[in-house]
Amino acid sequence: MLVYIGYMSLDKEFLTVKEYAALLNVHPNTVRRSLKSGRISGFKVGAGKRSDYRIPRSEINRMAFVDLEKIVAKMVEDRAVLKEK
């Protein structure tokens, strides 16, 4: 079964920068910077000014897990600070 969000099919294995940005509700330039810095893994297709990136769908799950770890770590840290008071 195909599910569509706007113009995007959810059964795709790789997403464009624009699709990935739409799913995370961020600007495409934020995704490109994250790709260039290595925070998000993906690969470049094409050459020159017309090139773009493709990002594996699994990156969404990985990024969600990384963010969840940061949230839990912050909660633990905040709780330790409250215990000290």
Protein backbone atom coordinates (compact mmCIF):
# COMPACT_ATOMS: atom_id res chain seq x y z
CA MET A 1 0.00 0.00 0.00
CA LEU A 2 1.31 3.43 -0.92
CA VAL A 3 0.82 6.34 1.44
CA TYR A 4 1.39 9.87 0.22
CA ILE A 5 2.24 12.97 2.20
CA GLY A 6 1.72 15.80 -0.25
CA TYR A 7 3.81 14.80 -3.24
CA MET A 8 5.95 12.20 -1.45
CA SER A 9 5.50 8.43 -1.33
CA LEU A 10 6.37 6.83 2.01
CA ASP A 11 7.63 3.60 0.47
CA LYS A 12 10.79 5.19 -0.96
CA GLU A 13 14.13 3.83 0.27
CA PHE A 14 15.99 7.12 -0.32
CA LEU A 15 14.73 10.66 0.16
CA THR A 16 15.76 13.93 -1.45
CA VAL A 17 16.95 16.82 0.70
CA LYS A 18 13.59 18.54 0.20
CA GLU A 19 11.61 15.44 1.25
CA TYR A 20 13.80 14.85 4.31
CA ALA A 21 13.49 18.50 5.33
CA ALA A 22 9.70 18.36 4.96
CA LEU A 23 9.48 15.28 7.21
CA LEU A 24 11.58 16.94 9.91
CA ASN A 25 9.99 20.36 9.45
CA VAL A 26 13.34 22.08 8.85
CA HIS A 27 14.78 24.12 5.97
CA PRO A 28 16.54 22.15 3.20
CA ASN A 29 19.74 24.16 3.81
CA THR A 30 19.79 22.80 7.37
CA VAL A 31 19.72 19.27 5.95
CA ARG A 32 22.50 20.11 3.45
CA ARG A 33 24.71 21.54 6.22
CA SER A 34 24.10 18.41 8.31
CA LEU A 35 25.06 16.23 5.36
CA LYS A 36 28.26 18.20 4.73
CA SER A 37 29.24 18.08 8.41
CA GLY A 38 28.56 14.34 8.63
CA ARG A 39 25.70 14.55 11.15
CA ILE A 40 23.39 12.95 8.57
CA SER A 41 24.67 10.25 6.23
CA GLY A 42 23.76 10.33 2.58
CA PHE A 43 25.35 10.37 -0.83
CA LYS A 44 25.72 12.90 -3.59
CA VAL A 45 24.17 12.33 -7.00
CA GLY A 46 25.08 14.31 -10.08
CA ALA A 47 27.89 16.78 -10.52
CA GLY A 48 28.37 20.52 -10.43
CA LYS A 49 25.59 22.96 -9.67
CA ARG A 50 22.87 20.43 -10.50
CA SER A 51 24.02 17.87 -7.93
CA ASP A 52 21.90 16.87 -4.96
CA TYR A 53 21.93 14.35 -2.12
CA ARG A 54 19.95 11.22 -1.38
CA ILE A 55 19.38 10.24 2.22
CA PRO A 56 18.45 6.71 3.35
CA ARG A 57 15.05 6.55 5.05
CA SER A 58 16.78 4.80 7.97
CA GLU A 59 18.43 8.13 8.83
CA ILE A 60 15.10 9.42 10.12
CA ASN A 61 14.99 6.64 12.72
CA ARG A 62 18.66 7.11 13.61
CA MET A 63 18.25 10.86 14.08
CA ALA A 64 15.15 10.34 16.21
CA PHE A 65 17.10 7.91 18.43
CA VAL A 66 20.03 10.35 18.75
CA ASP A 67 17.66 13.16 19.72
CA LEU A 68 15.90 10.90 22.22
CA GLU A 69 19.24 10.05 23.85
CA LYS A 70 20.01 13.78 24.19
CA ILE A 71 16.60 14.45 25.73
CA VAL A 72 17.01 11.65 28.28
CA ALA A 73 20.55 12.79 29.14
CA LYS A 74 19.28 16.34 29.69
CA MET A 75 16.47 15.06 31.93
CA VAL A 76 18.94 13.05 34.03
CA GLU A 77 21.22 16.08 34.30
CA ASP A 78 18.34 18.36 35.33
CA ARG A 79 17.22 15.86 37.95
CA ALA A 80 20.74 15.71 39.41
CA VAL A 81 20.82 19.49 39.64
CA LEU A 82 17.45 19.52 41.43
CA LYS A 83 18.66 16.92 43.95
CA GLU A 84 21.66 19.12 44.79
CA LYS A 85 19.41 22.04 45.75
